[in-house]
């Protein structure tokens, strides 16, 4: 049996090849299709020619799922987070869930107590915070790592083989950078202002009605990952003040920046950051244009991405 006969009469081969090549880049499809057909034909021809259809089925079975074969040709991972990133992913997730999440939960409980809620409501709110914020931390971190996995371009020092050089450096950095302390103060101030404007409601209308500056509905969801990200950044900045950046620390900052910036960008884009009652009282009949929120969201995203890149560069210096 010739190769052309297999290509013309082997409908299973045709279907198999189509399933493979449609999942790889267009510029590779013709070459891969020819290679697959030739491989299948050669293998079938080398076996029992008396039953070509049964042999063809056997060969295709041995070649395996076309989705897996296509992933090998396209050099794309089938796992959401591959083995190269998984150790870093689990370490960062452990840090977020064991440090940032408890801090946010305690902060929420304190706010409930200040609001005069009963012990049952405080406990219920704490449980809700753990579930909601914990789920969002896991979701956002997984999305970030999955995107990095799909990009095929790992940040420096991430996904490579571990060596003893990766052990944490417990020595303080040679030069004290005043900007580190400024970042600690800035991120801590943002947390304090967010909490203060909600508990104290400092803005008063002409009629004396106290208002939140930020949308109160945010406290039912998006504000928690934002606060968690800020708390993570404060923790990282404090660590940076006493020791040099390492690739692991720099990568942890990806999770903190993602937890802070991505929800904030989404809230800005949806124009849901500020309290509508506050905007109506301040702006009167004037409406803030959508372009303002869009540009602000882009700036926040660019600044966060730039900070992440800067940390990796410092870690590799």
C-alpha atoms as a PDB file:
ATOM      1  CA  UNK A   1       0.000   0.000   0.000  1.00  0.00           C
ATOM      2  CA  UNK A   2       1.450   3.361  -1.013  1.00  0.00           C
ATOM      3  CA  UNK A   3       1.383   6.603   0.929  1.00  0.00           C
ATOM      4  CA  UNK A   4      -0.964   8.176  -1.583  1.00  0.00           C
ATOM      5  CA  UNK A   5      -3.450   5.338  -1.148  1.00  0.00           C
ATOM      6  CA  UNK A   6      -3.479   5.833   2.609  1.00  0.00           C
ATOM      7  CA  UNK A   7      -3.937   9.586   2.177  1.00  0.00           C
ATOM      8  CA  UNK A   8      -6.777   9.115  -0.324  1.00  0.00           C
ATOM      9  CA  UNK A   9      -8.672   6.227   1.240  1.00  0.00           C
ATOM     10  CA  UNK A  10      -7.797   6.576   4.933  1.00  0.00           C
ATOM     11  CA  UNK A  11     -10.673   8.754   6.098  1.00  0.00           C
ATOM     12  CA  UNK A  12      -9.581   8.244   9.706  1.00  0.00           C
ATOM     13  CA  UNK A  13      -6.188   9.651   8.787  1.00  0.00           C
ATOM     14  CA  UNK A  14      -7.792  12.649   7.103  1.00  0.00           C
ATOM     15  CA  UNK A  15      -9.952  13.364  10.126  1.00  0.00           C
ATOM     16  CA  UNK A  16      -7.020  12.887  12.487  1.00  0.00           C
ATOM     17  CA  UNK A  17      -4.761  15.245  10.543  1.00  0.00           C
ATOM     18  CA  UNK A  18      -7.484  17.904  10.410  1.00  0.00           C
ATOM     19  CA  UNK A  19      -7.994  17.673  14.163  1.00  0.00           C
ATOM     20  CA  UNK A  20      -4.277  18.209  14.736  1.00  0.00           C
ATOM     21  CA  UNK A  21      -3.497  20.990  12.277  1.00  0.00           C
ATOM     22  CA  UNK A  22      -6.497  23.161  13.101  1.00  0.00           C
ATOM     23  CA  UNK A  23      -5.016  23.691  16.558  1.00  0.00           C
ATOM     24  CA  UNK A  24      -1.596  24.913  15.457  1.00  0.00           C
ATOM     25  CA  UNK A  25      -0.492  28.208  13.849  1.00  0.00           C
ATOM     26  CA  UNK A  26      -1.549  28.651  10.225  1.00  0.00           C
ATOM     27  CA  UNK A  27       1.993  28.921   8.883  1.00  0.00           C
ATOM     28  CA  UNK A  28       2.816  25.429  10.243  1.00  0.00           C
ATOM     29  CA  UNK A  29      -0.294  23.589   9.099  1.00  0.00           C
ATOM     30  CA  UNK A  30       0.767  22.514   5.606  1.00  0.00           C
ATOM     31  CA  UNK A  31       4.137  21.144   6.729  1.00  0.00           C
ATOM     32  CA  UNK A  32       2.676  19.374   9.762  1.00  0.00           C
ATOM     33  CA  UNK A  33      -0.127  17.861   7.686  1.00  0.00           C
ATOM     34  CA  UNK A  34       2.356  16.479   5.143  1.00  0.00           C
ATOM     35  CA  UNK A  35       4.589  15.151   7.918  1.00  0.00           C
ATOM     36  CA  UNK A  36       1.695  13.462   9.707  1.00  0.00           C
ATOM     37  CA  UNK A  37       0.326  11.829   6.571  1.00  0.00           C
ATOM     38  CA  UNK A  38       3.774  10.546   5.644  1.00  0.00           C
ATOM     39  CA  UNK A  39       4.402   9.195   9.155  1.00  0.00           C
ATOM     40  CA  UNK A  40       1.052   7.441   9.296  1.00  0.00           C
ATOM     41  CA  UNK A  41       1.476   5.991   5.804  1.00  0.00           C
ATOM     42  CA  UNK A  42       5.001   4.725   6.543  1.00  0.00           C
ATOM     43  CA  UNK A  43       3.892   3.113   9.784  1.00  0.00           C
ATOM     44  CA  UNK A  44       0.870   1.431   8.206  1.00  0.00           C
ATOM     45  CA  UNK A  45       2.950   0.210   5.276  1.00  0.00           C
ATOM     46  CA  UNK A  46       5.551  -1.298   7.617  1.00  0.00           C
ATOM     47  CA  UNK A  47       2.901  -3.410   9.323  1.00  0.00           C
ATOM     48  CA  UNK A  48       0.463  -6.062   8.125  1.00  0.00           C
ATOM     49  CA  UNK A  49      -0.709  -4.942   4.649  1.00  0.00           C
ATOM     50  CA  UNK A  50      -3.550  -7.453   4.712  1.00  0.00           C
ATOM     51  CA  UNK A  51      -5.706  -5.329   6.996  1.00  0.00           C
ATOM     52  CA  UNK A  52      -4.896  -1.680   6.257  1.00  0.00           C
ATOM     53  CA  UNK A  53      -7.971  -0.237   7.939  1.00  0.00           C
ATOM     54  CA  UNK A  54      -7.363  -2.102  11.209  1.00  0.00           C
ATOM     55  CA  UNK A  55      -3.671  -1.176  11.108  1.00  0.00           C
ATOM     56  CA  UNK A  56      -4.530   2.462  10.402  1.00  0.00           C
ATOM     57  CA  UNK A  57      -6.814   2.571  13.447  1.00  0.00           C
ATOM     58  CA  UNK A  58      -4.103   0.937  15.547  1.00  0.00           C
ATOM     59  CA  UNK A  59      -1.489   3.460  14.426  1.00  0.00           C
ATOM     60  CA  UNK A  60      -3.740   6.438  15.160  1.00  0.00           C
ATOM     61  CA  UNK A  61      -4.546   5.020  18.574  1.00  0.00           C
ATOM     62  CA  UNK A  62      -0.840   4.777  19.354  1.00  0.00           C
ATOM     63  CA  UNK A  63      -0.275   8.373  18.209  1.00  0.00           C
ATOM     64  CA  UNK A  64      -2.805   9.478  20.802  1.00  0.00           C
ATOM     65  CA  UNK A  65      -5.217  12.334  21.274  1.00  0.00           C
ATOM     66  CA  UNK A  66      -4.818  14.898  18.461  1.00  0.00           C
ATOM     67  CA  UNK A  67      -5.162  17.703  20.999  1.00  0.00           C
ATOM     68  CA  UNK A  68      -2.051  16.483  22.830  1.00  0.00           C
ATOM     69  CA  UNK A  69      -0.161  16.021  19.574  1.00  0.00           C
ATOM     70  CA  UNK A  70      -1.129  19.519  18.424  1.00  0.00           C
ATOM     71  CA  UNK A  71       0.100  20.946  21.751  1.00  0.00           C
ATOM     72  CA  UNK A  72       3.509  19.348  21.161  1.00  0.00           C
ATOM     73  CA  UNK A  73       3.751  20.768  17.642  1.00  0.00           C
ATOM     74  CA  UNK A  74       2.661  24.230  18.796  1.00  0.00           C
ATOM     75  CA  UNK A  75       4.759  24.022  21.977  1.00  0.00           C
ATOM     76  CA  UNK A  76       1.745  24.962  24.065  1.00  0.00           C
ATOM     77  CA  UNK A  77       1.102  23.588  27.576  1.00  0.00           C
ATOM     78  CA  UNK A  78      -2.053  21.577  28.167  1.00  0.00           C
ATOM     79  CA  UNK A  79      -1.976  22.242  31.902  1.00  0.00           C
ATOM     80  CA  UNK A  80      -3.430  25.470  33.261  1.00  0.00           C
ATOM     81  CA  UNK A  81      -0.240  25.947  35.307  1.00  0.00           C
ATOM     82  CA  UNK A  82       2.664  23.751  34.272  1.00  0.00           C
ATOM     83  CA  UNK A  83       5.352  22.176  36.449  1.00  0.00           C
ATOM     84  CA  UNK A  84       7.773  25.026  35.758  1.00  0.00           C
ATOM     85  CA  UNK A  85       5.516  27.592  37.469  1.00  0.00           C
ATOM     86  CA  UNK A  86       3.638  25.383  39.915  1.00  0.00           C
ATOM     87  CA  UNK A  87       6.145  25.541  42.826  1.00  0.00           C
ATOM     88  CA  UNK A  88       6.211  29.343  42.714  1.00  0.00           C
ATOM     89  CA  UNK A  89       2.426  29.432  42.353  1.00  0.00           C
ATOM     90  CA  UNK A  90       1.903  27.306  45.464  1.00  0.00           C
ATOM     91  CA  UNK A  91       4.444  29.279  47.504  1.00  0.00           C
ATOM     92  CA  UNK A  92       2.840  32.616  46.625  1.00  0.00           C
ATOM     93  CA  UNK A  93      -0.667  31.282  47.206  1.00  0.00           C
ATOM     94  CA  UNK A  94       0.407  29.984  50.612  1.00  0.00           C
ATOM     95  CA  UNK A  95       1.804  33.390  51.553  1.00  0.00           C
ATOM     96  CA  UNK A  96      -1.350  35.219  50.457  1.00  0.00           C
ATOM     97  CA  UNK A  97      -3.720  32.834  52.228  1.00  0.00           C
ATOM     98  CA  UNK A  98      -1.649  32.618  55.411  1.00  0.00           C
ATOM     99  CA  UNK A  99      -0.756  36.301  55.851  1.00  0.00           C
ATOM    100  CA  UNK A 100      -2.770  38.716  53.718  1.00  0.00           C
ATOM    101  CA  UNK A 101      -6.114  36.907  54.061  1.00  0.00           C
ATOM    102  CA  UNK A 102      -6.016  36.785  57.892  1.00  0.00           C
ATOM    103  CA  UNK A 103      -5.022  40.466  57.979  1.00  0.00           C
ATOM    104  CA  UNK A 104      -7.963  41.447  55.769  1.00  0.00           C
ATOM    105  CA  UNK A 105     -10.318  39.262  57.820  1.00  0.00           C
ATOM    106  CA  UNK A 106      -9.227  40.862  61.080  1.00  0.00           C
ATOM    107  CA  UNK A 107      -9.560  44.324  59.534  1.00  0.00           C
ATOM    108  CA  UNK A 108     -13.111  43.523  58.419  1.00  0.00           C
ATOM    109  CA  UNK A 109     -13.992  42.209  61.874  1.00  0.00           C
ATOM    110  CA  UNK A 110     -12.657  45.384  63.496  1.00  0.00           C
ATOM    111  CA  UNK A 111     -14.764  47.507  61.143  1.00  0.00           C
ATOM    112  CA  UNK A 112     -17.858  45.456  62.030  1.00  0.00           C
ATOM    113  CA  UNK A 113     -17.182  45.968  65.739  1.00  0.00           C
ATOM    114  CA  UNK A 114     -16.753  49.718  65.188  1.00  0.00           C
ATOM    115  CA  UNK A 115     -20.065  49.741  63.325  1.00  0.00           C
ATOM    116  CA  UNK A 116     -21.712  48.315  66.427  1.00  0.00           C
ATOM    117  CA  UNK A 117     -22.588  44.900  65.055  1.00  0.00           C
ATOM    118  CA  UNK A 118     -23.215  41.927  67.316  1.00  0.00           C
ATOM    119  CA  UNK A 119     -20.846  39.011  67.816  1.00  0.00           C
ATOM    120  CA  UNK A 120     -22.885  36.819  65.482  1.00  0.00           C
ATOM    121  CA  UNK A 121     -22.715  39.362  62.678  1.00  0.00           C
ATOM    122  CA  UNK A 122     -18.993  39.878  63.256  1.00  0.00           C
ATOM    123  CA  UNK A 123     -18.310  36.146  63.029  1.00  0.00           C
ATOM    124  CA  UNK A 124     -20.560  35.798  60.000  1.00  0.00           C
ATOM    125  CA  UNK A 125     -18.814  38.699  58.307  1.00  0.00           C
ATOM    126  CA  UNK A 126     -15.413  37.181  59.037  1.00  0.00           C
ATOM    127  CA  UNK A 127     -16.467  33.852  57.526  1.00  0.00           C
ATOM    128  CA  UNK A 128     -17.841  35.638  54.465  1.00  0.00           C
ATOM    129  CA  UNK A 129     -14.593  37.592  54.107  1.00  0.00           C
ATOM    130  CA  UNK A 130     -12.519  34.418  54.253  1.00  0.00           C
ATOM    131  CA  UNK A 131     -14.669  32.767  51.588  1.00  0.00           C
ATOM    132  CA  UNK A 132     -15.034  35.760  49.250  1.00  0.00           C
ATOM    133  CA  UNK A 133     -11.544  37.241  49.534  1.00  0.00           C
ATOM    134  CA  UNK A 134      -9.882  33.818  49.622  1.00  0.00           C
ATOM    135  CA  UNK A 135     -11.725  32.762  46.480  1.00  0.00           C
ATOM    136  CA  UNK A 136     -10.774  35.988  44.717  1.00  0.00           C
ATOM    137  CA  UNK A 137      -7.130  35.615  45.724  1.00  0.00           C
ATOM    138  CA  UNK A 138      -7.043  32.094  44.326  1.00  0.00           C
ATOM    139  CA  UNK A 139      -8.898  33.123  41.165  1.00  0.00           C
ATOM    140  CA  UNK A 140      -6.799  36.200  40.363  1.00  0.00           C
ATOM    141  CA  UNK A 141      -3.507  34.483  41.118  1.00  0.00           C
ATOM    142  CA  UNK A 142      -4.485  31.507  38.978  1.00  0.00           C
ATOM    143  CA  UNK A 143      -5.462  33.785  36.098  1.00  0.00           C
ATOM    144  CA  UNK A 144      -2.134  35.641  36.281  1.00  0.00           C
ATOM    145  CA  UNK A 145      -0.104  32.425  36.330  1.00  0.00           C
ATOM    146  CA  UNK A 146      -2.186  30.863  33.547  1.00  0.00           C
ATOM    147  CA  UNK A 147      -1.582  33.916  31.345  1.00  0.00           C
ATOM    148  CA  UNK A 148       2.157  33.737  32.043  1.00  0.00           C
ATOM    149  CA  UNK A 149       2.097  30.014  31.230  1.00  0.00           C
ATOM    150  CA  UNK A 150       0.313  30.648  27.925  1.00  0.00           C
ATOM    151  CA  UNK A 151       2.645  33.499  26.987  1.00  0.00           C
ATOM    152  CA  UNK A 152       5.618  31.123  26.995  1.00  0.00           C
ATOM    153  CA  UNK A 153       7.792  33.914  28.378  1.00  0.00           C
ATOM    154  CA  UNK A 154       8.564  33.450  32.017  1.00  0.00           C
ATOM    155  CA  UNK A 155       9.922  36.430  33.995  1.00  0.00           C
ATOM    156  CA  UNK A 156      13.587  36.153  34.791  1.00  0.00           C
ATOM    157  CA  UNK A 157      14.382  33.625  37.480  1.00  0.00           C
ATOM    158  CA  UNK A 158      10.918  32.024  37.348  1.00  0.00           C
ATOM    159  CA  UNK A 159      10.356  28.467  36.188  1.00  0.00           C
ATOM    160  CA  UNK A 160      14.054  27.659  35.969  1.00  0.00           C
ATOM    161  CA  UNK A 161      15.821  24.861  37.830  1.00  0.00           C
ATOM    162  CA  UNK A 162      16.188  25.552  41.548  1.00  0.00           C
ATOM    163  CA  UNK A 163      19.709  25.986  42.935  1.00  0.00           C
ATOM    164  CA  UNK A 164      21.036  26.818  46.424  1.00  0.00           C
ATOM    165  CA  UNK A 165      21.530  30.372  45.154  1.00  0.00           C
ATOM    166  CA  UNK A 166      17.747  30.746  45.441  1.00  0.00           C
ATOM    167  CA  UNK A 167      17.853  30.423  49.236  1.00  0.00           C
ATOM    168  CA  UNK A 168      16.707  33.670  50.899  1.00  0.00           C
ATOM    169  CA  UNK A 169      19.392  36.227  51.594  1.00  0.00           C
ATOM    170  CA  UNK A 170      18.985  37.248  55.221  1.00  0.00           C
ATOM    171  CA  UNK A 171      21.424  40.116  54.991  1.00  0.00           C
ATOM    172  CA  UNK A 172      20.261  43.676  54.658  1.00  0.00           C
ATOM    173  CA  UNK A 173      20.760  45.446  51.332  1.00  0.00           C
ATOM    174  CA  UNK A 174      23.980  47.384  51.006  1.00  0.00           C
ATOM    175  CA  UNK A 175      22.215  50.675  50.310  1.00  0.00           C
ATOM    176  CA  UNK A 176      19.176  51.955  52.150  1.00  0.00           C
ATOM    177  CA  UNK A 177      16.729  53.277  49.568  1.00  0.00           C
ATOM    178  CA  UNK A 178      14.505  56.057  50.967  1.00  0.00           C
ATOM    179  CA  UNK A 179      11.974  55.267  48.238  1.00  0.00           C
ATOM    180  CA  UNK A 180      11.278  51.931  49.964  1.00  0.00           C
ATOM    181  CA  UNK A 181      10.090  53.682  53.115  1.00  0.00           C
ATOM    182  CA  UNK A 182       8.061  56.095  51.012  1.00  0.00           C
ATOM    183  CA  UNK A 183       6.286  53.163  49.347  1.00  0.00           C
ATOM    184  CA  UNK A 184       5.544  51.590  52.729  1.00  0.00           C
ATOM    185  CA  UNK A 185       4.031  54.866  53.937  1.00  0.00           C
ATOM    186  CA  UNK A 186       2.083  55.401  50.688  1.00  0.00           C
ATOM    187  CA  UNK A 187       0.510  51.950  50.551  1.00  0.00           C
ATOM    188  CA  UNK A 188      -0.284  52.019  54.274  1.00  0.00           C
ATOM    189  CA  UNK A 189      -1.818  55.487  53.862  1.00  0.00           C
ATOM    190  CA  UNK A 190      -4.036  54.233  51.035  1.00  0.00           C
ATOM    191  CA  UNK A 191      -5.347  51.430  53.267  1.00  0.00           C
ATOM    192  CA  UNK A 192      -6.006  53.892  56.089  1.00  0.00           C
ATOM    193  CA  UNK A 193      -7.788  56.374  53.807  1.00  0.00           C
ATOM    194  CA  UNK A 194     -10.002  53.680  52.271  1.00  0.00           C
ATOM    195  CA  UNK A 195     -11.050  52.438  55.706  1.00  0.00           C
ATOM    196  CA  UNK A 196     -11.379  55.947  57.173  1.00  0.00           C
ATOM    197  CA  UNK A 197     -13.632  57.307  54.438  1.00  0.00           C
ATOM    198  CA  UNK A 198     -15.954  54.339  55.003  1.00  0.00           C
ATOM    199  CA  UNK A 199     -16.064  54.454  58.820  1.00  0.00           C
ATOM    200  CA  UNK A 200     -15.904  58.228  59.353  1.00  0.00           C
ATOM    201  CA  UNK A 201     -17.792  59.324  56.212  1.00  0.00           C
ATOM    202  CA  UNK A 202     -15.883  62.630  56.218  1.00  0.00           C
ATOM    203  CA  UNK A 203     -17.752  64.271  53.336  1.00  0.00           C
ATOM    204  CA  UNK A 204     -20.873  66.238  54.207  1.00  0.00           C
ATOM    205  CA  UNK A 205     -23.507  67.510  51.795  1.00  0.00           C
ATOM    206  CA  UNK A 206     -24.955  71.007  52.126  1.00  0.00           C
ATOM    207  CA  UNK A 207     -27.726  69.418  54.177  1.00  0.00           C
ATOM    208  CA  UNK A 208     -25.199  67.792  56.513  1.00  0.00           C
ATOM    209  CA  UNK A 209     -25.657  64.229  55.240  1.00  0.00           C
ATOM    210  CA  UNK A 210     -22.451  62.187  55.688  1.00  0.00           C
ATOM    211  CA  UNK A 211     -21.313  60.271  52.615  1.00  0.00           C
ATOM    212  CA  UNK A 212     -18.645  57.758  51.651  1.00  0.00           C
ATOM    213  CA  UNK A 213     -16.346  59.068  48.951  1.00  0.00           C
ATOM    214  CA  UNK A 214     -15.999  55.596  47.434  1.00  0.00           C
ATOM    215  CA  UNK A 215     -19.001  53.544  46.398  1.00  0.00           C
ATOM    216  CA  UNK A 216     -20.315  51.741  49.544  1.00  0.00           C
ATOM    217  CA  UNK A 217     -21.258  48.738  47.382  1.00  0.00           C
ATOM    218  CA  UNK A 218     -17.552  48.031  46.949  1.00  0.00           C
ATOM    219  CA  UNK A 219     -17.480  46.718  50.522  1.00  0.00           C
ATOM    220  CA  UNK A 220     -19.610  43.818  49.362  1.00  0.00           C
ATOM    221  CA  UNK A 221     -16.897  42.600  47.012  1.00  0.00           C
ATOM    222  CA  UNK A 222     -14.201  44.444  45.052  1.00  0.00           C
ATOM    223  CA  UNK A 223     -12.720  46.498  47.873  1.00  0.00           C
ATOM    224  CA  UNK A 224     -11.413  43.372  49.630  1.00  0.00           C
ATOM    225  CA  UNK A 225      -8.949  42.162  46.974  1.00  0.00           C
ATOM    226  CA  UNK A 226      -7.825  45.782  46.573  1.00  0.00           C
ATOM    227  CA  UNK A 227      -7.118  46.012  50.308  1.00  0.00           C
ATOM    228  CA  UNK A 228      -5.515  42.567  50.261  1.00  0.00           C
ATOM    229  CA  UNK A 229      -3.200  43.631  47.439  1.00  0.00           C
ATOM    230  CA  UNK A 230      -2.254  46.820  49.278  1.00  0.00           C
ATOM    231  CA  UNK A 231      -1.568  44.838  52.452  1.00  0.00           C
ATOM    232  CA  UNK A 232       0.618  42.469  50.454  1.00  0.00           C
ATOM    233  CA  UNK A 233       2.534  45.396  48.969  1.00  0.00           C
ATOM    234  CA  UNK A 234       3.078  46.864  52.436  1.00  0.00           C
ATOM    235  CA  UNK A 235       4.448  43.528  53.640  1.00  0.00           C
ATOM    236  CA  UNK A 236       6.756  43.237  50.642  1.00  0.00           C
ATOM    237  CA  UNK A 237       7.975  46.815  51.054  1.00  0.00           C
ATOM    238  CA  UNK A 238       8.746  46.165  54.722  1.00  0.00           C
ATOM    239  CA  UNK A 239      10.715  43.041  53.773  1.00  0.00           C
ATOM    240  CA  UNK A 240      12.539  45.038  51.093  1.00  0.00           C
ATOM    241  CA  UNK A 241      13.575  47.604  53.685  1.00  0.00           C
ATOM    242  CA  UNK A 242      15.625  44.989  55.569  1.00  0.00           C
ATOM    243  CA  UNK A 243      16.819  42.687  52.790  1.00  0.00           C
ATOM    244  CA  UNK A 244      17.545  42.684  49.096  1.00  0.00           C
ATOM    245  CA  UNK A 245      15.028  41.650  46.456  1.00  0.00           C
ATOM    246  CA  UNK A 246      15.159  38.020  45.350  1.00  0.00           C
ATOM    247  CA  UNK A 247      13.415  36.465  42.320  1.00  0.00           C
ATOM    248  CA  UNK A 248      10.958  34.754  44.668  1.00  0.00           C
ATOM    249  CA  UNK A 249      10.072  38.002  46.441  1.00  0.00           C
ATOM    250  CA  UNK A 250       9.742  39.768  43.117  1.00  0.00           C
ATOM    251  CA  UNK A 251       7.371  37.115  41.886  1.00  0.00           C
ATOM    252  CA  UNK A 252       5.270  37.329  45.045  1.00  0.00           C
ATOM    253  CA  UNK A 253       4.844  40.985  44.194  1.00  0.00           C
ATOM    254  CA  UNK A 254       3.095  39.901  40.987  1.00  0.00           C
ATOM    255  CA  UNK A 255       0.284  38.434  43.081  1.00  0.00           C
ATOM    256  CA  UNK A 256       0.046  41.503  45.310  1.00  0.00           C
ATOM    257  CA  UNK A 257       0.027  43.891  42.346  1.00  0.00           C
ATOM    258  CA  UNK A 258      -2.557  41.746  40.553  1.00  0.00           C
ATOM    259  CA  UNK A 259      -4.820  41.612  43.612  1.00  0.00           C
ATOM    260  CA  UNK A 260      -4.626  45.404  43.902  1.00  0.00           C
ATOM    261  CA  UNK A 261      -4.483  46.636  40.326  1.00  0.00           C
ATOM    262  CA  UNK A 262      -6.761  44.292  38.376  1.00  0.00           C
ATOM    263  CA  UNK A 263      -9.905  44.818  40.494  1.00  0.00           C
ATOM    264  CA  UNK A 264      -9.163  48.553  40.681  1.00  0.00           C
ATOM    265  CA  UNK A 265      -8.802  48.755  36.894  1.00  0.00           C
ATOM    266  CA  UNK A 266     -12.090  46.923  36.426  1.00  0.00           C
ATOM    267  CA  UNK A 267     -13.917  49.164  38.925  1.00  0.00           C
ATOM    268  CA  UNK A 268     -12.520  52.276  37.235  1.00  0.00           C
ATOM    269  CA  UNK A 269     -13.482  51.051  33.787  1.00  0.00           C
ATOM    270  CA  UNK A 270     -17.027  50.327  34.998  1.00  0.00           C
ATOM    271  CA  UNK A 271     -17.175  53.784  36.654  1.00  0.00           C
ATOM    272  CA  UNK A 272     -18.019  52.161  39.994  1.00  0.00           C
ATOM    273  CA  UNK A 273     -15.205  53.552  42.150  1.00  0.00           C
ATOM    274  CA  UNK A 274     -16.872  56.663  43.565  1.00  0.00           C
ATOM    275  CA  UNK A 275     -20.111  56.964  45.468  1.00  0.00           C
ATOM    276  CA  UNK A 276     -22.792  58.182  42.993  1.00  0.00           C
ATOM    277  CA  UNK A 277     -24.315  60.394  45.723  1.00  0.00           C
ATOM    278  CA  UNK A 278     -20.904  61.954  46.340  1.00  0.00           C
ATOM    279  CA  UNK A 279     -20.378  62.613  42.614  1.00  0.00           C
ATOM    280  CA  UNK A 280     -23.847  64.127  42.239  1.00  0.00           C
ATOM    281  CA  UNK A 281     -23.224  66.500  45.124  1.00  0.00           C
ATOM    282  CA  UNK A 282     -19.729  67.467  43.936  1.00  0.00           C
ATOM    283  CA  UNK A 283     -20.302  67.635  40.185  1.00  0.00           C
ATOM    284  CA  UNK A 284     -23.841  68.899  40.123  1.00  0.00           C
ATOM    285  CA  UNK A 285     -25.189  68.214  36.655  1.00  0.00           C
ATOM    286  CA  UNK A 286     -21.774  67.590  35.075  1.00  0.00           C
ATOM    287  CA  UNK A 287     -20.880  63.999  34.172  1.00  0.00           C
ATOM    288  CA  UNK A 288     -17.309  62.768  34.309  1.00  0.00           C
ATOM    289  CA  UNK A 289     -16.444  61.472  30.809  1.00  0.00           C
ATOM    290  CA  UNK A 290     -15.778  57.776  30.267  1.00  0.00           C
ATOM    291  CA  UNK A 291     -12.369  58.667  28.817  1.00  0.00           C
ATOM    292  CA  UNK A 292     -11.233  59.898  32.257  1.00  0.00           C
ATOM    293  CA  UNK A 293     -11.909  56.516  33.840  1.00  0.00           C
ATOM    294  CA  UNK A 294     -10.406  54.627  30.901  1.00  0.00           C
ATOM    295  CA  UNK A 295      -7.190  56.667  30.933  1.00  0.00           C
ATOM    296  CA  UNK A 296      -6.934  56.342  34.723  1.00  0.00           C
ATOM    297  CA  UNK A 297      -7.389  52.564  34.486  1.00  0.00           C
ATOM    298  CA  UNK A 298      -4.644  52.330  31.853  1.00  0.00           C
ATOM    299  CA  UNK A 299      -2.305  54.443  33.997  1.00  0.00           C
ATOM    300  CA  UNK A 300      -2.901  52.229  37.049  1.00  0.00           C
ATOM    301  CA  UNK A 301      -2.212  49.114  34.999  1.00  0.00           C
ATOM    302  CA  UNK A 302       0.927  50.612  33.446  1.00  0.00           C
ATOM    303  CA  UNK A 303       2.323  51.769  36.789  1.00  0.00           C
ATOM    304  CA  UNK A 304       1.720  48.382  38.413  1.00  0.00           C
ATOM    305  CA  UNK A 305       3.311  46.545  35.492  1.00  0.00           C
ATOM    306  CA  UNK A 306       6.274  48.925  35.591  1.00  0.00           C
ATOM    307  CA  UNK A 307       6.748  48.314  39.321  1.00  0.00           C
ATOM    308  CA  UNK A 308       6.765  44.547  38.752  1.00  0.00           C
ATOM    309  CA  UNK A 309       9.374  44.832  35.993  1.00  0.00           C
ATOM    310  CA  UNK A 310      11.504  47.097  38.191  1.00  0.00           C
ATOM    311  CA  UNK A 311      11.432  44.577  41.038  1.00  0.00           C
ATOM    312  CA  UNK A 312      12.590  41.760  38.793  1.00  0.00           C
ATOM    313  CA  UNK A 313      15.431  43.901  37.505  1.00  0.00           C
ATOM    314  CA  UNK A 314      16.508  44.727  41.048  1.00  0.00           C
ATOM    315  CA  UNK A 315      16.338  41.035  41.950  1.00  0.00           C
ATOM    316  CA  UNK A 316      18.658  40.149  39.054  1.00  0.00           C
ATOM    317  CA  UNK A 317      21.125  42.960  39.705  1.00  0.00           C
END
